[in-house]
Amino acid sequence: TVTGFTNTEEEGVGLTDVVPFLVEDMLKS
């Protein structure tokens, strides 16, 4: 069981398309 910066928080700072990967997606995958 883990957590980390959420996809919606990344959207909130406007960097979804800038970062090399999303923390939430990576932890799930």
mmCIF file of all heavy atoms, coordinates in Angstrom:
data_MODEL
# 
_entry.id   MODEL 
# 
loop_
_atom_site.group_PDB 
_atom_site.id 
_atom_site.type_symbol 
_atom_site.label_atom_id 
_atom_site.label_alt_id 
_atom_site.label_comp_id 
_atom_site.label_asym_id 
_atom_site.label_entity_id 
_atom_site.label_seq_id 
_atom_site.pdbx_PDB_ins_code 
_atom_site.Cartn_x 
_atom_site.Cartn_y 
_atom_site.Cartn_z 
_atom_site.occupancy 
_atom_site.B_iso_or_equiv 
_atom_site.pdbx_formal_charge 
_atom_site.auth_seq_id 
_atom_site.auth_comp_id 
_atom_site.auth_asym_id 
_atom_site.auth_atom_id 
_atom_site.pdbx_PDB_model_num 
ATOM 1   N N   . THR A 1 1  ? 0.847  -1.181 0.000   1.00 0.00 ? 1  THR A N   1 
ATOM 2   C CA  . THR A 1 1  ? 0.000  0.000  0.000   1.00 0.00 ? 1  THR A CA  1 
ATOM 3   C C   . THR A 1 1  ? 0.891  1.242  0.000   1.00 0.00 ? 1  THR A C   1 
ATOM 4   O O   . THR A 1 1  ? 1.751  1.397  0.871   1.00 0.00 ? 1  THR A O   1 
ATOM 5   C CB  . THR A 1 1  ? -0.931 0.008  1.221   1.00 0.00 ? 1  THR A CB  1 
ATOM 6   O OG1 . THR A 1 1  ? -1.713 -1.197 1.191   1.00 0.00 ? 1  THR A OG1 1 
ATOM 7   C CG2 . THR A 1 1  ? -1.870 1.199  1.191   1.00 0.00 ? 1  THR A CG2 1 
ATOM 8   N N   . VAL A 1 2  ? 0.697  2.081  -1.008  1.00 0.00 ? 2  VAL A N   1 
ATOM 9   C CA  . VAL A 1 2  ? 1.560  3.251  -1.215  1.00 0.00 ? 2  VAL A CA  1 
ATOM 10  C C   . VAL A 1 2  ? 0.719  4.452  -1.630  1.00 0.00 ? 2  VAL A C   1 
ATOM 11  O O   . VAL A 1 2  ? -0.420 4.312  -2.074  1.00 0.00 ? 2  VAL A O   1 
ATOM 12  C CB  . VAL A 1 2  ? 2.628  2.993  -2.293  1.00 0.00 ? 2  VAL A CB  1 
ATOM 13  C CG1 . VAL A 1 2  ? 3.686  2.013  -1.810  1.00 0.00 ? 2  VAL A CG1 1 
ATOM 14  C CG2 . VAL A 1 2  ? 1.995  2.479  -3.589  1.00 0.00 ? 2  VAL A CG2 1 
ATOM 15  N N   . THR A 1 3  ? 1.329  5.628  -1.508  1.00 0.00 ? 3  THR A N   1 
ATOM 16  C CA  . THR A 1 3  ? 0.734  6.838  -2.059  1.00 0.00 ? 3  THR A CA  1 
ATOM 17  C C   . THR A 1 3  ? 1.832  7.680  -2.696  1.00 0.00 ? 3  THR A C   1 
ATOM 18  O O   . THR A 1 3  ? 3.012  7.329  -2.657  1.00 0.00 ? 3  THR A O   1 
ATOM 19  C CB  . THR A 1 3  ? -0.044 7.637  -0.992  1.00 0.00 ? 3  THR A CB  1 
ATOM 20  O OG1 . THR A 1 3  ? -0.815 8.650  -1.636  1.00 0.00 ? 3  THR A OG1 1 
ATOM 21  C CG2 . THR A 1 3  ? 0.884  8.270  0.044   1.00 0.00 ? 3  THR A CG2 1 
ATOM 22  N N   . GLY A 1 4  ? 1.441  8.792  -3.273  1.00 0.00 ? 4  GLY A N   1 
ATOM 23  C CA  . GLY A 1 4  ? 2.362  9.707  -3.932  1.00 0.00 ? 4  GLY A CA  1 
ATOM 24  C C   . GLY A 1 4  ? 1.525  10.766 -4.629  1.00 0.00 ? 4  GLY A C   1 
ATOM 25  O O   . GLY A 1 4  ? 0.291  10.706 -4.599  1.00 0.00 ? 4  GLY A O   1 
ATOM 26  N N   . PHE A 1 5  ? 2.181  11.713 -5.254  1.00 0.00 ? 5  PHE A N   1 
ATOM 27  C CA  . PHE A 1 5  ? 1.493  12.824 -5.919  1.00 0.00 ? 5  PHE A CA  1 
ATOM 28  C C   . PHE A 1 5  ? 0.433  12.284 -6.880  1.00 0.00 ? 5  PHE A C   1 
ATOM 29  O O   . PHE A 1 5  ? 0.711  11.426 -7.706  1.00 0.00 ? 5  PHE A O   1 
ATOM 30  C CB  . PHE A 1 5  ? 2.506  13.672 -6.673  1.00 0.00 ? 5  PHE A CB  1 
ATOM 31  C CG  . PHE A 1 5  ? 2.110  15.104 -6.877  1.00 0.00 ? 5  PHE A CG  1 
ATOM 32  C CD1 . PHE A 1 5  ? 1.837  15.922 -5.797  1.00 0.00 ? 5  PHE A CD1 1 
ATOM 33  C CD2 . PHE A 1 5  ? 2.042  15.652 -8.152  1.00 0.00 ? 5  PHE A CD2 1 
ATOM 34  C CE1 . PHE A 1 5  ? 1.499  17.260 -5.978  1.00 0.00 ? 5  PHE A CE1 1 
ATOM 35  C CE2 . PHE A 1 5  ? 1.703  16.988 -8.341  1.00 0.00 ? 5  PHE A CE2 1 
ATOM 36  C CZ  . PHE A 1 5  ? 1.431  17.796 -7.258  1.00 0.00 ? 5  PHE A CZ  1 
ATOM 37  N N   . THR A 1 6  ? -0.797 12.784 -6.745  1.00 0.00 ? 6  THR A N   1 
ATOM 38  C CA  . THR A 1 6  ? -1.910 12.252 -7.530  1.00 0.00 ? 6  THR A CA  1 
ATOM 39  C C   . THR A 1 6  ? -1.927 12.821 -8.946  1.00 0.00 ? 6  THR A C   1 
ATOM 40  O O   . THR A 1 6  ? -1.390 13.896 -9.204  1.00 0.00 ? 6  THR A O   1 
ATOM 41  C CB  . THR A 1 6  ? -3.261 12.592 -6.866  1.00 0.00 ? 6  THR A CB  1 
ATOM 42  O OG1 . THR A 1 6  ? -3.471 14.013 -6.945  1.00 0.00 ? 6  THR A OG1 1 
ATOM 43  C CG2 . THR A 1 6  ? -3.300 12.165 -5.407  1.00 0.00 ? 6  THR A CG2 1 
ATOM 44  N N   . ASN A 1 7  ? -2.570 12.096 -9.846  1.00 0.00 ? 7  ASN A N   1 
ATOM 45  C CA  . ASN A 1 7  ? -2.743 12.601 -11.210 1.00 0.00 ? 7  ASN A CA  1 
ATOM 46  C C   . ASN A 1 7  ? -3.487 13.932 -11.214 1.00 0.00 ? 7  ASN A C   1 
ATOM 47  O O   . ASN A 1 7  ? -3.180 14.829 -12.008 1.00 0.00 ? 7  ASN A O   1 
ATOM 48  C CB  . ASN A 1 7  ? -3.512 11.589 -12.066 1.00 0.00 ? 7  ASN A CB  1 
ATOM 49  C CG  . ASN A 1 7  ? -2.694 10.333 -12.354 1.00 0.00 ? 7  ASN A CG  1 
ATOM 50  O OD1 . ASN A 1 7  ? -1.508 10.256 -12.040 1.00 0.00 ? 7  ASN A OD1 1 
ATOM 51  N ND2 . ASN A 1 7  ? -3.328 9.342  -12.952 1.00 0.00 ? 7  ASN A ND2 1 
ATOM 52  N N   . THR A 1 8  ? -4.472 14.065 -10.321 1.00 0.00 ? 8  THR A N   1 
ATOM 53  C CA  . THR A 1 8  ? -5.251 15.305 -10.295 1.00 0.00 ? 8  THR A CA  1 
ATOM 54  C C   . THR A 1 8  ? -4.447 16.465 -9.703  1.00 0.00 ? 8  THR A C   1 
ATOM 55  O O   . THR A 1 8  ? -4.630 17.621 -10.109 1.00 0.00 ? 8  THR A O   1 
ATOM 56  C CB  . THR A 1 8  ? -6.565 15.118 -9.509  1.00 0.00 ? 8  THR A CB  1 
ATOM 57  O OG1 . THR A 1 8  ? -6.290 14.457 -8.273  1.00 0.00 ? 8  THR A OG1 1 
ATOM 58  C CG2 . THR A 1 8  ? -7.557 14.293 -10.312 1.00 0.00 ? 8  THR A CG2 1 
ATOM 59  N N   . GLU A 1 9  ? -3.528 16.166 -8.793  1.00 0.00 ? 9  GLU A N   1 
ATOM 60  C CA  . GLU A 1 9  ? -2.637 17.216 -8.290  1.00 0.00 ? 9  GLU A CA  1 
ATOM 61  C C   . GLU A 1 9  ? -1.681 17.668 -9.396  1.00 0.00 ? 9  GLU A C   1 
ATOM 62  O O   . GLU A 1 9  ? -1.395 18.864 -9.536  1.00 0.00 ? 9  GLU A O   1 
ATOM 63  C CB  . GLU A 1 9  ? -1.863 16.719 -7.059  1.00 0.00 ? 9  GLU A CB  1 
ATOM 64  C CG  . GLU A 1 9  ? -2.738 16.647 -5.803  1.00 0.00 ? 9  GLU A CG  1 
ATOM 65  C CD  . GLU A 1 9  ? -2.091 15.923 -4.639  1.00 0.00 ? 9  GLU A CD  1 
ATOM 66  O OE1 . GLU A 1 9  ? -1.289 14.978 -4.873  1.00 0.00 ? 9  GLU A OE1 1 
ATOM 67  O OE2 . GLU A 1 9  ? -2.397 16.276 -3.485  1.00 0.00 ? 9  GLU A OE2 1 
ATOM 68  N N   . GLU A 1 10 ? -1.198 16.704 -10.197 1.00 0.00 ? 10 GLU A N   1 
ATOM 69  C CA  . GLU A 1 10 ? -0.316 17.057 -11.323 1.00 0.00 ? 10 GLU A CA  1 
ATOM 70  C C   . GLU A 1 10 ? -1.068 17.923 -12.334 1.00 0.00 ? 10 GLU A C   1 
ATOM 71  O O   . GLU A 1 10 ? -0.527 18.902 -12.872 1.00 0.00 ? 10 GLU A O   1 
ATOM 72  C CB  . GLU A 1 10 ? 0.231  15.788 -11.996 1.00 0.00 ? 10 GLU A CB  1 
ATOM 73  C CG  . GLU A 1 10 ? 1.493  16.003 -12.799 1.00 0.00 ? 10 GLU A CG  1 
ATOM 74  C CD  . GLU A 1 10 ? 2.693  16.355 -11.928 1.00 0.00 ? 10 GLU A CD  1 
ATOM 75  O OE1 . GLU A 1 10 ? 3.328  15.451 -11.356 1.00 0.00 ? 10 GLU A OE1 1 
ATOM 76  O OE2 . GLU A 1 10 ? 2.999  17.563 -11.824 1.00 0.00 ? 10 GLU A OE2 1 
ATOM 77  N N   . GLU A 1 11 ? -2.339 17.561 -12.577 1.00 0.00 ? 11 GLU A N   1 
ATOM 78  C CA  . GLU A 1 11 ? -3.182 18.402 -13.447 1.00 0.00 ? 11 GLU A CA  1 
ATOM 79  C C   . GLU A 1 11 ? -3.319 19.801 -12.855 1.00 0.00 ? 11 GLU A C   1 
ATOM 80  O O   . GLU A 1 11 ? -3.290 20.801 -13.576 1.00 0.00 ? 11 GLU A O   1 
ATOM 81  C CB  . GLU A 1 11 ? -4.585 17.795 -13.589 1.00 0.00 ? 11 GLU A CB  1 
ATOM 82  C CG  . GLU A 1 11 ? -4.673 16.621 -14.545 1.00 0.00 ? 11 GLU A CG  1 
ATOM 83  C CD  . GLU A 1 11 ? -6.025 15.921 -14.439 1.00 0.00 ? 11 GLU A CD  1 
ATOM 84  O OE1 . GLU A 1 11 ? -7.021 16.595 -14.062 1.00 0.00 ? 11 GLU A OE1 1 
ATOM 85  O OE2 . GLU A 1 11 ? -6.087 14.714 -14.723 1.00 0.00 ? 11 GLU A OE2 1 
ATOM 86  N N   . GLY A 1 12 ? -3.454 19.850 -11.531 1.00 0.00 ? 12 GLY A N   1 
ATOM 87  C CA  . GLY A 1 12 ? -3.642 21.122 -10.843 1.00 0.00 ? 12 GLY A CA  1 
ATOM 88  C C   . GLY A 1 12 ? -2.476 22.081 -11.010 1.00 0.00 ? 12 GLY A C   1 
ATOM 89  O O   . GLY A 1 12 ? -2.672 23.301 -11.036 1.00 0.00 ? 12 GLY A O   1 
ATOM 90  N N   . VAL A 1 13 ? -1.265 21.532 -11.139 1.00 0.00 ? 13 VAL A N   1 
ATOM 91  C CA  . VAL A 1 13 ? -0.098 22.396 -11.351 1.00 0.00 ? 13 VAL A CA  1 
ATOM 92  C C   . VAL A 1 13 ? 0.259  22.505 -12.830 1.00 0.00 ? 13 VAL A C   1 
ATOM 93  O O   . VAL A 1 13 ? 1.250  23.141 -13.200 1.00 0.00 ? 13 VAL A O   1 
ATOM 94  C CB  . VAL A 1 13 ? 1.135  21.921 -10.532 1.00 0.00 ? 13 VAL A CB  1 
ATOM 95  C CG1 . VAL A 1 13 ? 0.846  22.039 -9.045  1.00 0.00 ? 13 VAL A CG1 1 
ATOM 96  C CG2 . VAL A 1 13 ? 1.555  20.496 -10.872 1.00 0.00 ? 13 VAL A CG2 1 
ATOM 97  N N   . GLY A 1 14 ? -0.564 21.884 -13.684 1.00 0.00 ? 14 GLY A N   1 
ATOM 98  C CA  . GLY A 1 14 ? -0.423 22.053 -15.126 1.00 0.00 ? 14 GLY A CA  1 
ATOM 99  C C   . GLY A 1 14 ? 0.777  21.378 -15.756 1.00 0.00 ? 14 GLY A C   1 
ATOM 100 O O   . GLY A 1 14 ? 1.272  21.817 -16.794 1.00 0.00 ? 14 GLY A O   1 
ATOM 101 N N   . LEU A 1 15 ? 1.245  20.278 -15.143 1.00 0.00 ? 15 LEU A N   1 
ATOM 102 C CA  . LEU A 1 15 ? 2.474  19.655 -15.652 1.00 0.00 ? 15 LEU A CA  1 
ATOM 103 C C   . LEU A 1 15 ? 2.277  18.212 -16.129 1.00 0.00 ? 15 LEU A C   1 
ATOM 104 O O   . LEU A 1 15 ? 3.251  17.499 -16.365 1.00 0.00 ? 15 LEU A O   1 
ATOM 105 C CB  . LEU A 1 15 ? 3.568  19.705 -14.568 1.00 0.00 ? 15 LEU A CB  1 
ATOM 106 C CG  . LEU A 1 15 ? 4.039  21.125 -14.221 1.00 0.00 ? 15 LEU A CG  1 
ATOM 107 C CD1 . LEU A 1 15 ? 4.986  21.096 -13.035 1.00 0.00 ? 15 LEU A CD1 1 
ATOM 108 C CD2 . LEU A 1 15 ? 4.715  21.780 -15.426 1.00 0.00 ? 15 LEU A CD2 1 
ATOM 109 N N   . THR A 1 16 ? 1.027  17.816 -16.317 1.00 0.00 ? 16 THR A N   1 
ATOM 110 C CA  . THR A 1 16 ? 0.745  16.442 -16.749 1.00 0.00 ? 16 THR A CA  1 
ATOM 111 C C   . THR A 1 16 ? 1.490  16.082 -18.033 1.00 0.00 ? 16 THR A C   1 
ATOM 112 O O   . THR A 1 16 ? 1.989  14.958 -18.176 1.00 0.00 ? 16 THR A O   1 
ATOM 113 C CB  . THR A 1 16 ? -0.775 16.256 -16.957 1.00 0.00 ? 16 THR A CB  1 
ATOM 114 O OG1 . THR A 1 16 ? -1.448 16.574 -15.734 1.00 0.00 ? 16 THR A OG1 1 
ATOM 115 C CG2 . THR A 1 16 ? -1.105 14.829 -17.330 1.00 0.00 ? 16 THR A CG2 1 
ATOM 116 N N   . ASP A 1 17 ? 1.578  17.018 -18.971 1.00 0.00 ? 17 ASP A N   1 
ATOM 117 C CA  . ASP A 1 17 ? 2.216  16.740 -20.257 1.00 0.00 ? 17 ASP A CA  1 
ATOM 118 C C   . ASP A 1 17 ? 3.701  17.079 -20.273 1.00 0.00 ? 17 ASP A C   1 
ATOM 119 O O   . ASP A 1 17 ? 4.366  16.940 -21.306 1.00 0.00 ? 17 ASP A O   1 
ATOM 120 C CB  . ASP A 1 17 ? 1.491  17.502 -21.372 1.00 0.00 ? 17 ASP A CB  1 
ATOM 121 C CG  . ASP A 1 17 ? 0.040  17.042 -21.526 1.00 0.00 ? 17 ASP A CG  1 
ATOM 122 O OD1 . ASP A 1 17 ? -0.228 15.848 -21.272 1.00 0.00 ? 17 ASP A OD1 1 
ATOM 123 O OD2 . ASP A 1 17 ? -0.814 17.881 -21.876 1.00 0.00 ? 17 ASP A OD2 1 
ATOM 124 N N   . VAL A 1 18 ? 4.229  17.532 -19.141 1.00 0.00 ? 18 VAL A N   1 
ATOM 125 C CA  . VAL A 1 18 ? 5.643  17.910 -19.054 1.00 0.00 ? 18 VAL A CA  1 
ATOM 126 C C   . VAL A 1 18 ? 6.481  16.815 -18.389 1.00 0.00 ? 18 VAL A C   1 
ATOM 127 O O   . VAL A 1 18 ? 7.592  16.512 -18.816 1.00 0.00 ? 18 VAL A O   1 
ATOM 128 C CB  . VAL A 1 18 ? 5.803  19.242 -18.274 1.00 0.00 ? 18 VAL A CB  1 
ATOM 129 C CG1 . VAL A 1 18 ? 7.276  19.552 -18.007 1.00 0.00 ? 18 VAL A CG1 1 
ATOM 130 C CG2 . VAL A 1 18 ? 5.138  20.383 -19.036 1.00 0.00 ? 18 VAL A CG2 1 
ATOM 131 N N   . VAL A 1 19 ? 5.908  16.199 -17.360 1.00 0.00 ? 19 VAL A N   1 
ATOM 132 C CA  . VAL A 1 19 ? 6.662  15.203 -16.592 1.00 0.00 ? 19 VAL A CA  1 
ATOM 133 C C   . VAL A 1 19 ? 6.893  13.933 -17.414 1.00 0.00 ? 19 VAL A C   1 
ATOM 134 O O   . VAL A 1 19 ? 6.096  13.596 -18.288 1.00 0.00 ? 19 VAL A O   1 
ATOM 135 C CB  . VAL A 1 19 ? 5.937  14.846 -15.272 1.00 0.00 ? 19 VAL A CB  1 
ATOM 136 C CG1 . VAL A 1 19 ? 5.909  16.053 -14.349 1.00 0.00 ? 19 VAL A CG1 1 
ATOM 137 C CG2 . VAL A 1 19 ? 4.520  14.333 -15.529 1.00 0.00 ? 19 VAL A CG2 1 
ATOM 138 N N   . PRO A 1 20 ? 8.006  13.214 -17.147 1.00 0.00 ? 20 PRO A N   1 
ATOM 139 C CA  . PRO A 1 20 ? 8.293  11.988 -17.906 1.00 0.00 ? 20 PRO A CA  1 
ATOM 140 C C   . PRO A 1 20 ? 7.317  10.854 -17.605 1.00 0.00 ? 20 PRO A C   1 
ATOM 141 O O   . PRO A 1 20 ? 7.139  9.955  -18.420 1.00 0.00 ? 20 PRO A O   1 
ATOM 142 C CB  . PRO A 1 20 ? 9.719  11.626 -17.490 1.00 0.00 ? 20 PRO A CB  1 
ATOM 143 C CG  . PRO A 1 20 ? 9.957  12.333 -16.192 1.00 0.00 ? 20 PRO A CG  1 
ATOM 144 C CD  . PRO A 1 20 ? 9.100  13.567 -16.225 1.00 0.00 ? 20 PRO A CD  1 
ATOM 145 N N   . PHE A 1 21 ? 6.716  10.883 -16.430 1.00 0.00 ? 21 PHE A N   1 
ATOM 146 C CA  . PHE A 1 21 ? 5.680  9.901  -16.075 1.00 0.00 ? 21 PHE A CA  1 
ATOM 147 C C   . PHE A 1 21 ? 4.911  10.449 -14.884 1.00 0.00 ? 21 PHE A C   1 
ATOM 148 O O   . PHE A 1 21 ? 5.380  11.359 -14.185 1.00 0.00 ? 21 PHE A O   1 
ATOM 149 C CB  . PHE A 1 21 ? 6.273  8.519  -15.758 1.00 0.00 ? 21 PHE A CB  1 
ATOM 150 C CG  . PHE A 1 21 ? 7.223  8.501  -14.582 1.00 0.00 ? 21 PHE A CG  1 
ATOM 151 C CD1 . PHE A 1 21 ? 6.772  8.208  -13.294 1.00 0.00 ? 21 PHE A CD1 1 
ATOM 152 C CD2 . PHE A 1 21 ? 8.575  8.771  -14.758 1.00 0.00 ? 21 PHE A CD2 1 
ATOM 153 C CE1 . PHE A 1 21 ? 7.647  8.198  -12.216 1.00 0.00 ? 21 PHE A CE1 1 
ATOM 154 C CE2 . PHE A 1 21 ? 9.462  8.771  -13.678 1.00 0.00 ? 21 PHE A CE2 1 
ATOM 155 C CZ  . PHE A 1 21 ? 8.990  8.480  -12.408 1.00 0.00 ? 21 PHE A CZ  1 
ATOM 156 N N   . LEU A 1 22 ? 3.718  9.902  -14.664 1.00 0.00 ? 22 LEU A N   1 
ATOM 157 C CA  . LEU A 1 22 ? 2.891  10.302 -13.527 1.00 0.00 ? 22 LEU A CA  1 
ATOM 158 C C   . LEU A 1 22 ? 3.125  9.335  -12.361 1.00 0.00 ? 22 LEU A C   1 
ATOM 159 O O   . LEU A 1 22 ? 3.077  8.110  -12.555 1.00 0.00 ? 22 LEU A O   1 
ATOM 160 C CB  . LEU A 1 22 ? 1.415  10.309 -13.921 1.00 0.00 ? 22 LEU A CB  1 
ATOM 161 C CG  . LEU A 1 22 ? 1.034  11.343 -14.986 1.00 0.00 ? 22 LEU A CG  1 
ATOM 162 C CD1 . LEU A 1 22 ? -0.362 11.061 -15.532 1.00 0.00 ? 22 LEU A CD1 1 
ATOM 163 C CD2 . LEU A 1 22 ? 1.111  12.754 -14.426 1.00 0.00 ? 22 LEU A CD2 1 
ATOM 164 N N   . VAL A 1 23 ? 3.382  9.867  -11.192 1.00 0.00 ? 23 VAL A N   1 
ATOM 165 C CA  . VAL A 1 23 ? 3.711  9.035  -10.030 1.00 0.00 ? 23 VAL A CA  1 
ATOM 166 C C   . VAL A 1 23 ? 2.596  8.036  -9.725  1.00 0.00 ? 23 VAL A C   1 
ATOM 167 O O   . VAL A 1 23 ? 2.851  6.843  -9.513  1.00 0.00 ? 23 VAL A O   1 
ATOM 168 C CB  . VAL A 1 23 ? 4.007  9.918  -8.790  1.00 0.00 ? 23 VAL A CB  1 
ATOM 169 C CG1 . VAL A 1 23 ? 4.190  9.056  -7.547  1.00 0.00 ? 23 VAL A CG1 1 
ATOM 170 C CG2 . VAL A 1 23 ? 5.248  10.767 -9.029  1.00 0.00 ? 23 VAL A CG2 1 
ATOM 171 N N   . GLU A 1 24 ? 1.358  8.516  -9.718  1.00 0.00 ? 24 GLU A N   1 
ATOM 172 C CA  . GLU A 1 24 ? 0.223  7.632  -9.415  1.00 0.00 ? 24 GLU A CA  1 
ATOM 173 C C   . GLU A 1 24 ? 0.164  6.469  -10.409 1.00 0.00 ? 24 GLU A C   1 
ATOM 174 O O   . GLU A 1 24 ? 0.036  5.301  -10.007 1.00 0.00 ? 24 GLU A O   1 
ATOM 175 C CB  . GLU A 1 24 ? -1.088 8.429  -9.459  1.00 0.00 ? 24 GLU A CB  1 
ATOM 176 C CG  . GLU A 1 24 ? -2.323 7.564  -9.233  1.00 0.00 ? 24 GLU A CG  1 
ATOM 177 C CD  . GLU A 1 24 ? -3.639 8.352  -9.277  1.00 0.00 ? 24 GLU A CD  1 
ATOM 178 O OE1 . GLU A 1 24 ? -3.633 9.567  -9.006  1.00 0.00 ? 24 GLU A OE1 1 
ATOM 179 O OE2 . GLU A 1 24 ? -4.672 7.721  -9.566  1.00 0.00 ? 24 GLU A OE2 1 
ATOM 180 N N   . ASP A 1 25 ? 0.266  6.776  -11.697 1.00 0.00 ? 25 ASP A N   1 
ATOM 181 C CA  . ASP A 1 25 ? 0.189  5.727  -12.726 1.00 0.00 ? 25 ASP A CA  1 
ATOM 182 C C   . ASP A 1 25 ? 1.330  4.730  -12.595 1.00 0.00 ? 25 ASP A C   1 
ATOM 183 O O   . ASP A 1 25 ? 1.136  3.513  -12.745 1.00 0.00 ? 25 ASP A O   1 
ATOM 184 C CB  . ASP A 1 25 ? 0.213  6.349  -14.128 1.00 0.00 ? 25 ASP A CB  1 
ATOM 185 C CG  . ASP A 1 25 ? -1.081 7.056  -14.480 1.00 0.00 ? 25 ASP A CG  1 
ATOM 186 O OD1 . ASP A 1 25 ? -2.038 6.972  -13.692 1.00 0.00 ? 25 ASP A OD1 1 
ATOM 187 O OD2 . ASP A 1 25 ? -1.133 7.687  -15.556 1.00 0.00 ? 25 ASP A OD2 1 
ATOM 188 N N   . MET A 1 26 ? 2.545  5.238  -12.316 1.00 0.00 ? 26 MET A N   1 
ATOM 189 C CA  . MET A 1 26 ? 3.710  4.357  -12.199 1.00 0.00 ? 26 MET A CA  1 
ATOM 190 C C   . MET A 1 26 ? 3.566  3.405  -11.019 1.00 0.00 ? 26 MET A C   1 
ATOM 191 O O   . MET A 1 26 ? 3.836  2.200  -11.135 1.00 0.00 ? 26 MET A O   1 
ATOM 192 C CB  . MET A 1 26 ? 4.981  5.201  -12.056 1.00 0.00 ? 26 MET A CB  1 
ATOM 193 C CG  . MET A 1 26 ? 6.279  4.395  -11.909 1.00 0.00 ? 26 MET A CG  1 
ATOM 194 S SD  . MET A 1 26 ? 6.619  3.874  -10.198 1.00 0.00 ? 26 MET A SD  1 
ATOM 195 C CE  . MET A 1 26 ? 6.999  5.465  -9.432  1.00 0.00 ? 26 MET A CE  1 
ATOM 196 N N   . LEU A 1 27 ? 3.126  3.919  -9.870  1.00 0.00 ? 27 LEU A N   1 
ATOM 197 C CA  . LEU A 1 27 ? 2.975  3.062  -8.692  1.00 0.00 ? 27 LEU A CA  1 
ATOM 198 C C   . LEU A 1 27 ? 1.940  1.971  -8.941  1.00 0.00 ? 27 LEU A C   1 
ATOM 199 O O   . LEU A 1 27 ? 2.131  0.814  -8.547  1.00 0.00 ? 27 LEU A O   1 
ATOM 200 C CB  . LEU A 1 27 ? 2.598  3.909  -7.469  1.00 0.00 ? 27 LEU A CB  1 
ATOM 201 C CG  . LEU A 1 27 ? 3.689  4.851  -6.945  1.00 0.00 ? 27 LEU A CG  1 
ATOM 202 C CD1 . LEU A 1 27 ? 3.123  5.793  -5.884  1.00 0.00 ? 27 LEU A CD1 1 
ATOM 203 C CD2 . LEU A 1 27 ? 4.881  4.073  -6.392  1.00 0.00 ? 27 LEU A CD2 1 
ATOM 204 N N   . LYS A 1 28 ? 0.865  2.333  -9.628  1.00 0.00 ? 28 LYS A N   1 
ATOM 205 C CA  . LYS A 1 28 ? -0.164 1.337  -9.959  1.00 0.00 ? 28 LYS A CA  1 
ATOM 206 C C   . LYS A 1 28 ? 0.376  0.294  -10.944 1.00 0.00 ? 28 LYS A C   1 
ATOM 207 O O   . LYS A 1 28 ? 0.152  -0.911 -10.769 1.00 0.00 ? 28 LYS A O   1 
ATOM 208 C CB  . LYS A 1 28 ? -1.392 2.026  -10.559 1.00 0.00 ? 28 LYS A CB  1 
ATOM 209 C CG  . LYS A 1 28 ? -2.220 2.811  -9.547  1.00 0.00 ? 28 LYS A CG  1 
ATOM 210 C CD  . LYS A 1 28 ? -3.348 3.547  -10.267 1.00 0.00 ? 28 LYS A CD  1 
ATOM 211 C CE  . LYS A 1 28 ? -4.249 4.303  -9.301  1.00 0.00 ? 28 LYS A CE  1 
ATOM 212 N NZ  . LYS A 1 28 ? -5.246 5.132  -10.029 1.00 0.00 ? 28 LYS A NZ  1 
ATOM 213 N N   . SER A 1 29 ? 1.096  0.757  -11.963 1.00 0.00 ? 29 SER A N   1 
ATOM 214 C CA  . SER A 1 29 ? 1.588  -0.189 -12.978 1.00 0.00 ? 29 SER A CA  1 
ATOM 215 C C   . SER A 1 29 ? 2.658  -1.118 -12.412 1.00 0.00 ? 29 SER A C   1 
ATOM 216 O O   . SER A 1 29 ? 2.869  -2.216 -12.927 1.00 0.00 ? 29 SER A O   1 
ATOM 217 C CB  . SER A 1 29 ? 2.119  0.556  -14.210 1.00 0.00 ? 29 SER A CB  1 
ATOM 218 O OG  . SER A 1 29 ? 3.283  1.279  -13.895 1.00 0.00 ? 29 SER A OG  1 
# 
